[in-house]
Amino acid sequence: MKSRFPFTSFPNGWFRVGYSNELAIKEVKPLHYFGQDLVLFRTEDGIAHVMDAHCPHLGAHLGYGGCVVENTIQCPFHGWRFHGEGRCIDIPYTHKIPAKAHIKPWLVREVNGLIMVWYHAEGEAPTWEIPKLKEYNSLTWSPFRCAAQWRLRSHIQEIQENPLDTSHLKFIHGANTVKVLSFETDGAKLLWRFSTDEDTSLVKESYVEYTYYGLGYNLDYYFPGKTGDESEDFLQEINILTLTTPIDQEYVENHLLITFKKLPTEAENEAFEEKLMQTIFTETAKDVPILENKIYRFSPLLCEDDGPLMQYRRWASQFYSYVSSNSKILVN
């Protein structure tokens, strides 16, 4: 990975590590992200917690055999109990708790059905948040469903850069024309809009709006008839939520969730959802072998219709606490 990319594998920001509906009260799960072993658990008060995985006593992994007791997690080895903030509050065989009996907690937010953690290489507090989505749990939008899930040998910045490569949308994904309409940045938020004329069974012509919140969360809206054509070829408004989390220095985890404006009948919704999920999986699968084997070009030979790639790279550079001497080229 270090020979392919000039920057750390772990940018700062909010990243998905789980789904709210997949973590019951008192449930404990082992995780591995950011090159670290972690433990995810939900205490009896309903709050989700993430902490470093290993007990400071003799190193047991709390995610394997650990259990929730009230609002603490108990080590499976000697029964030490840790509050969600990381402090040891009970040792069953002594009343004297060592001053250093503490496990690093991670800052967690549950939003839009996601369990998100904050990563910062320098330990700094969040300067922005993931907004709530009006589509989540809406009566007029379908429930979010995972259409594709990948474990990729790539870098999170590469994956999130891929949609802005407008020429590849034409060559690989069947877009006849792609017209960039705007590109705006506001701190950790990036918003870019384009129109596209595609040759697929789901999309003929649409207006597309991509919103990034850091490098781990990307929200894509597809609107029908926004380019001047009121055709009904594009059946519904679609929202694709792309969630990308670094696993280690070599691999990232990429999830694509979909929701759409509901159709009149349940049968129509089921048929459209199945077709949409198949399309998303098929189209994203085309990019996987390319992303896993390409290298990062510091100064790419860009053409007029290659999209706002360098603007994106300048924006993305803010999420790294430090960069190598070679990576200064990425923000030129």
Protein backbone atom coordinates (compact mmCIF):
# COMPACT_ATOMS: atom_id res chain seq x y z
CA MET A 1 0.00 0.00 0.00
CA LYS A 2 2.79 2.44 0.83
CA SER A 3 4.23 2.03 -2.66
CA ARG A 4 0.84 2.79 -4.25
CA PHE A 5 -0.34 5.78 -2.22
CA PRO A 6 1.60 8.76 -0.83
CA PHE A 7 -0.54 9.31 2.26
CA THR A 8 -1.62 7.45 5.37
CA SER A 9 -4.30 4.79 5.05
CA PHE A 10 -6.25 6.35 7.93
CA PRO A 11 -7.64 9.84 7.23
CA ASN A 12 -9.50 11.73 9.94
CA GLY A 13 -13.30 11.72 10.05
CA TRP A 14 -16.47 9.78 10.79
CA PHE A 15 -16.65 6.15 9.64
CA ARG A 16 -19.25 3.38 9.78
CA VAL A 17 -18.37 0.39 11.98
CA GLY A 18 -21.82 -1.18 12.33
CA TYR A 19 -25.57 -0.93 11.83
CA SER A 20 -27.91 -0.01 14.68
CA ASN A 21 -30.39 -2.81 13.92
CA GLU A 22 -27.60 -5.40 14.04
CA LEU A 23 -26.53 -4.60 17.61
CA ALA A 24 -29.02 -5.68 20.26
CA ILE A 25 -28.94 -4.59 23.89
CA LYS A 26 -26.18 -6.55 25.73
CA GLU A 27 -24.67 -7.73 22.44
CA VAL A 28 -20.86 -7.67 22.05
CA LYS A 29 -18.98 -7.78 18.73
CA PRO A 30 -15.27 -7.80 17.87
CA LEU A 31 -14.17 -5.31 15.19
CA HIS A 32 -10.99 -4.59 13.25
CA TYR A 33 -10.66 -1.16 11.66
CA PHE A 34 -7.89 1.44 11.33
CA GLY A 35 -5.38 -1.39 11.81
CA GLN A 36 -6.65 -1.92 15.37
CA ASP A 37 -8.67 -4.49 17.29
CA LEU A 38 -11.82 -2.92 18.72
CA VAL A 39 -14.92 -4.05 20.59
CA LEU A 40 -18.47 -2.87 19.91
CA PHE A 41 -21.21 -3.38 22.49
CA ARG A 42 -24.59 -2.00 23.56
CA THR A 43 -25.17 -1.51 27.26
CA GLU A 44 -28.48 -2.02 29.03
CA ASP A 45 -29.28 1.68 28.74
CA GLY A 46 -29.37 1.20 24.95
CA ILE A 47 -26.17 3.14 24.20
CA ALA A 48 -23.67 1.75 21.68
CA HIS A 49 -19.99 1.91 22.65
CA VAL A 50 -16.71 1.23 20.88
CA MET A 51 -13.45 0.75 22.77
CA ASP A 52 -10.00 -0.65 22.17
CA ALA A 53 -10.38 -4.40 22.41
CA HIS A 54 -7.80 -5.59 24.91
CA CYS A 55 -8.07 -5.58 28.68
CA PRO A 56 -5.22 -3.61 30.35
CA HIS A 57 -4.89 -6.38 32.95
CA LEU A 58 -3.56 -9.38 30.99
CA GLY A 59 -4.63 -8.56 27.46
CA ALA A 60 -7.83 -10.54 26.89
CA HIS A 61 -9.91 -9.48 23.87
CA LEU A 62 -13.24 -8.19 25.22
CA GLY A 63 -14.95 -9.00 21.92
CA TYR A 64 -14.47 -12.75 22.41
CA GLY A 65 -16.37 -13.90 25.46
CA GLY A 66 -16.84 -10.48 27.01
CA CYS A 67 -20.36 -9.70 28.21
CA VAL A 68 -22.43 -6.66 29.12
CA VAL A 69 -23.32 -6.31 32.79
CA GLU A 70 -25.70 -3.40 33.32
CA ASN A 71 -23.89 -0.45 31.70
CA THR A 72 -20.43 -2.03 31.64
CA ILE A 73 -18.56 -4.64 29.63
CA GLN A 74 -16.98 -7.46 31.61
CA CYS A 75 -13.68 -9.06 30.64
CA PRO A 76 -14.04 -12.81 30.02
CA PHE A 77 -10.66 -13.59 31.64
CA HIS A 78 -10.82 -12.18 35.17
CA GLY A 79 -14.14 -10.36 35.33
CA TRP A 80 -12.90 -6.78 35.32
CA ARG A 81 -15.74 -4.44 34.40
CA PHE A 82 -15.33 -1.29 32.30
CA HIS A 83 -17.74 1.57 31.87
CA GLY A 84 -18.47 2.68 28.30
CA GLU A 85 -16.13 5.62 28.82
CA GLY A 86 -13.31 3.15 29.39
CA ARG A 87 -12.85 3.40 33.16
CA CYS A 88 -12.64 0.18 35.20
CA ILE A 89 -15.29 0.33 37.93
CA ASP A 90 -15.13 -3.17 39.40
CA ILE A 91 -12.67 -6.01 39.97
CA PRO A 92 -14.45 -8.98 41.57
CA TYR A 93 -11.55 -10.09 43.79
CA THR A 94 -10.28 -6.73 45.12
CA HIS A 95 -11.54 -3.34 46.20
CA LYS A 96 -8.42 -1.51 45.05
CA ILE A 97 -8.66 -0.62 41.37
CA PRO A 98 -5.32 0.35 39.72
CA ALA A 99 -5.22 3.98 38.60
CA LYS A 100 -4.25 2.91 35.06
CA ALA A 101 -7.14 0.46 34.72
CA HIS A 102 -8.59 2.17 31.69
CA ILE A 103 -9.35 1.29 28.07
CA LYS A 104 -9.42 3.87 25.30
CA PRO A 105 -13.02 4.69 24.31
CA TRP A 106 -13.95 5.84 20.81
CA LEU A 107 -16.43 8.61 20.16
CA VAL A 108 -19.63 7.09 18.74
CA ARG A 109 -22.64 8.57 16.98
CA GLU A 110 -25.74 6.61 15.96
CA VAL A 111 -27.35 8.39 13.04
CA ASN A 112 -29.44 7.20 10.08
CA GLY A 113 -29.31 3.63 11.40
CA LEU A 114 -25.50 3.65 11.36
CA ILE A 115 -22.96 3.26 14.14
CA MET A 116 -20.25 5.79 13.31
CA VAL A 117 -16.93 6.33 15.09
CA TRP A 118 -14.67 9.36 15.00
CA TYR A 119 -11.04 8.73 14.06
CA HIS A 120 -8.36 11.40 14.35
CA ALA A 121 -4.65 10.65 14.19
CA GLU A 122 -3.88 13.43 16.68
CA GLY A 123 -6.78 12.66 19.00
CA GLU A 124 -8.61 15.90 18.22
CA ALA A 125 -12.36 16.27 18.80
CA PRO A 126 -14.85 16.35 15.90
CA THR A 127 -15.30 19.63 14.06
CA TRP A 128 -18.35 18.46 12.08
CA GLU A 129 -21.17 15.92 12.29
CA ILE A 130 -23.07 13.56 9.99
CA PRO A 131 -26.55 15.09 9.40
CA LYS A 132 -29.81 13.22 9.85
CA LEU A 133 -31.47 12.09 6.62
CA LYS A 134 -35.11 12.86 5.93
CA GLU A 135 -35.35 9.57 3.99
CA TYR A 136 -34.39 7.42 6.98
CA ASN A 137 -37.53 5.81 8.45
CA SER A 138 -39.65 7.92 6.10
CA LEU A 139 -43.09 6.65 5.10
CA THR A 140 -42.54 7.81 1.51
CA TRP A 141 -39.08 6.27 1.01
CA SER A 142 -38.12 2.60 1.00
CA PRO A 143 -36.02 1.25 3.89
CA PHE A 144 -32.27 1.49 3.33
CA ARG A 145 -30.91 -1.78 1.93
CA CYS A 146 -27.29 -2.81 1.35
CA ALA A 147 -26.95 -3.37 -2.40
CA ALA A 148 -23.22 -4.10 -2.45
CA GLN A 149 -20.48 -4.77 0.06
CA TRP A 150 -16.80 -5.02 -0.82
CA ARG A 151 -13.50 -5.61 0.91
CA LEU A 152 -11.11 -3.82 -1.41
CA ARG A 153 -7.36 -3.66 -1.66
CA SER A 154 -7.36 0.06 -2.19
CA HIS A 155 -7.38 3.41 -0.43
CA ILE A 156 -10.45 5.23 0.85
CA GLN A 157 -9.53 8.40 -1.07
CA GLU A 158 -9.30 6.44 -4.33
CA ILE A 159 -12.74 4.91 -3.83
CA GLN A 160 -14.38 8.24 -3.10
CA GLU A 161 -12.54 9.88 -5.99
CA ASN A 162 -13.87 7.36 -8.47
CA PRO A 163 -17.32 8.95 -9.05
CA LEU A 164 -15.72 12.31 -9.90
CA ASP A 165 -13.84 10.65 -12.75
CA THR A 166 -16.56 11.55 -15.24
CA SER A 167 -14.81 10.03 -18.24
CA HIS A 168 -14.90 6.57 -16.64
CA LEU A 169 -18.67 7.00 -16.17
CA LYS A 170 -18.92 7.10 -19.93
CA PHE A 171 -16.44 4.35 -20.78
CA ILE A 172 -17.34 1.81 -18.07
CA HIS A 173 -20.85 2.62 -16.89
CA GLY A 174 -22.68 3.53 -20.08
CA ALA A 175 -23.22 7.26 -19.65
CA ASN A 176 -23.49 8.88 -23.06
CA THR A 177 -22.89 12.38 -21.73
CA VAL A 178 -21.84 13.77 -18.35
CA LYS A 179 -22.05 17.51 -17.75
CA VAL A 180 -20.56 18.97 -14.56
CA LEU A 181 -22.92 21.65 -13.24
CA SER A 182 -21.22 22.79 -10.02
CA PHE A 183 -18.51 21.92 -7.51
CA GLU A 184 -18.70 23.46 -4.02
CA THR A 185 -16.81 22.87 -0.78
CA ASP A 186 -17.65 23.97 2.75
CA GLY A 187 -15.15 22.62 5.26
CA ALA A 188 -15.60 18.86 5.52
CA LYS A 189 -18.55 18.95 3.12
CA LEU A 190 -18.22 18.66 -0.65
CA LEU A 191 -21.18 19.07 -2.99
CA TRP A 192 -21.00 18.53 -6.72
CA ARG A 193 -23.78 18.30 -9.26
CA PHE A 194 -23.91 16.93 -12.77
CA SER A 195 -26.38 15.77 -15.36
CA THR A 196 -26.09 12.50 -17.19
CA ASP A 197 -27.67 10.73 -20.12
CA GLU A 198 -27.20 7.02 -19.46
CA ASP A 199 -28.03 3.90 -21.39
CA THR A 200 -29.39 1.61 -18.67
CA SER A 201 -32.80 0.12 -17.93
CA LEU A 202 -33.15 2.29 -14.80
CA VAL A 203 -31.72 5.63 -15.83
CA LYS A 204 -32.12 7.41 -19.16
CA GLU A 205 -31.55 11.01 -18.18
CA SER A 206 -31.07 12.44 -14.70
CA TYR A 207 -29.73 15.17 -12.49
CA VAL A 208 -27.26 13.84 -9.93
CA GLU A 209 -26.14 15.41 -6.68
CA TYR A 210 -23.19 14.00 -4.73
CA THR A 211 -22.59 15.15 -1.15
CA TYR A 212 -19.47 14.08 0.74
CA TYR A 213 -19.04 14.44 4.48
CA GLY A 214 -15.37 13.61 4.87
CA LEU A 215 -13.99 10.54 3.13
CA GLY A 216 -16.15 7.92 4.83
CA TYR A 217 -19.67 9.08 3.98
CA ASN A 218 -20.99 9.93 0.52
CA LEU A 219 -24.64 10.57 -0.31
CA ASP A 220 -25.75 10.36 -3.96
CA TYR A 221 -29.15 11.64 -5.09
CA TYR A 222 -30.52 10.81 -8.55
CA PHE A 223 -33.42 13.01 -9.60
CA PRO A 224 -35.56 12.27 -12.69
CA GLY A 225 -36.40 14.89 -15.24
CA LYS A 226 -34.17 17.60 -13.79
CA THR A 227 -32.28 18.14 -17.03
CA GLY A 228 -35.24 19.46 -18.99
CA ASP A 229 -36.78 16.16 -20.03
CA GLU A 230 -39.88 15.14 -18.08
CA SER A 231 -39.67 11.59 -19.40
CA GLU A 232 -40.75 8.81 -17.05
CA ASP A 233 -37.97 6.50 -18.24
CA PHE A 234 -36.17 7.06 -14.94
CA LEU A 235 -38.77 5.64 -12.60
CA GLN A 236 -38.01 7.17 -9.20
CA GLU A 237 -35.79 9.37 -7.11
CA ILE A 238 -32.92 7.27 -5.81
CA ASN A 239 -30.53 7.80 -2.92
CA ILE A 240 -27.29 5.81 -2.72
CA LEU A 241 -25.31 6.04 0.50
CA THR A 242 -21.66 5.02 0.11
CA LEU A 243 -19.88 4.15 3.36
CA THR A 244 -16.16 3.46 3.33
CA THR A 245 -14.02 2.50 6.34
CA PRO A 246 -10.29 1.66 6.43
CA ILE A 247 -9.64 -1.85 7.72
CA ASP A 248 -5.84 -1.74 7.77
CA GLN A 249 -3.03 -0.33 5.63
CA GLU A 250 -3.98 -2.58 2.71
CA TYR A 251 -7.77 -2.92 2.72
CA VAL A 252 -10.93 -0.88 3.05
CA GLU A 253 -14.55 -1.87 3.56
CA ASN A 254 -17.10 -0.36 1.18
CA HIS A 255 -20.89 -0.56 1.63
CA LEU A 256 -23.51 0.85 -0.74
CA LEU A 257 -26.99 1.37 0.67
CA ILE A 258 -29.99 2.29 -1.46
CA THR A 259 -33.38 3.85 -0.86
CA PHE A 260 -35.92 5.22 -3.35
CA LYS A 261 -39.16 7.16 -3.45
CA LYS A 262 -41.90 4.58 -3.03
CA LEU A 263 -44.10 3.52 -5.93
CA PRO A 264 -47.90 3.13 -5.66
CA THR A 265 -47.95 -0.61 -4.83
CA GLU A 266 -45.80 -2.97 -2.79
CA ALA A 267 -45.33 -5.24 -5.79
CA GLU A 268 -43.91 -2.33 -7.80
CA ASN A 269 -41.61 -1.43 -4.91
CA GLU A 270 -40.28 -4.98 -4.63
CA ALA A 271 -39.65 -5.28 -8.36
CA PHE A 272 -37.93 -1.91 -8.57
CA GLU A 273 -35.78 -2.57 -5.50
CA GLU A 274 -34.60 -5.92 -6.86
CA LYS A 275 -33.71 -4.39 -10.21
CA LEU A 276 -31.98 -1.43 -8.58
CA MET A 277 -29.90 -3.61 -6.27
CA GLN A 278 -28.82 -5.82 -9.17
CA THR A 279 -27.83 -2.76 -11.20
CA ILE A 280 -25.82 -1.20 -8.35
CA PHE A 281 -23.97 -4.45 -7.68
CA THR A 282 -23.23 -5.05 -11.36
CA GLU A 283 -21.99 -1.53 -12.01
CA THR A 284 -19.80 -1.27 -8.88
CA ALA A 285 -18.31 -4.69 -9.60
CA LYS A 286 -16.87 -3.27 -12.81
CA ASP A 287 -14.68 -0.88 -10.81
CA VAL A 288 -13.36 -3.38 -8.25
CA PRO A 289 -10.49 -5.00 -10.22
CA ILE A 290 -9.38 -1.59 -11.49
CA LEU A 291 -9.31 -0.02 -8.02
CA GLU A 292 -7.48 -2.99 -6.54
CA ASN A 293 -4.68 -2.90 -9.08
CA LYS A 294 -4.24 0.72 -10.17
CA ILE A 295 -1.53 3.03 -8.84
CA TYR A 296 -1.89 6.62 -7.70
CA ARG A 297 -0.63 9.17 -10.20
CA PHE A 298 0.73 12.27 -8.44
CA SER A 299 0.33 14.39 -11.57
CA PRO A 300 -2.21 12.62 -13.79
CA LEU A 301 -2.41 13.49 -17.49
CA LEU A 302 -5.92 14.88 -17.37
CA CYS A 303 -8.12 15.78 -20.33
CA GLU A 304 -10.89 18.35 -20.56
CA ASP A 305 -13.70 15.90 -19.73
CA ASP A 306 -12.00 13.99 -16.88
CA GLY A 307 -14.02 15.74 -14.15
CA PRO A 308 -13.03 17.78 -11.06
CA LEU A 309 -10.43 15.30 -9.80
CA MET A 310 -7.76 17.79 -8.72
CA GLN A 311 -10.34 19.97 -6.99
CA TYR A 312 -11.43 16.90 -5.06
CA ARG A 313 -7.84 16.08 -4.09
CA ARG A 314 -7.27 19.57 -2.74
CA TRP A 315 -10.40 19.24 -0.63
CA ALA A 316 -9.45 15.71 0.55
CA SER A 317 -6.01 16.83 1.78
CA GLN A 318 -7.59 18.45 4.89
CA PHE A 319 -8.38 15.03 6.36
CA TYR A 320 -4.74 14.06 6.87
CA SER A 321 -2.86 15.18 9.97
CA TYR A 322 0.37 14.84 8.04
CA VAL A 323 1.47 13.85 4.53
CA SER A 324 4.67 12.45 3.16
CA SER A 325 7.12 14.57 1.20
CA ASN A 326 5.83 13.04 -2.03
CA SER A 327 2.17 13.79 -1.37
CA LYS A 328 2.42 17.57 -1.72
CA ILE A 329 1.81 16.99 -5.42
CA LEU A 330 -1.69 15.72 -4.74
CA VAL A 331 -2.90 19.20 -3.76
CA ASN A 332 -1.24 21.13 -6.62
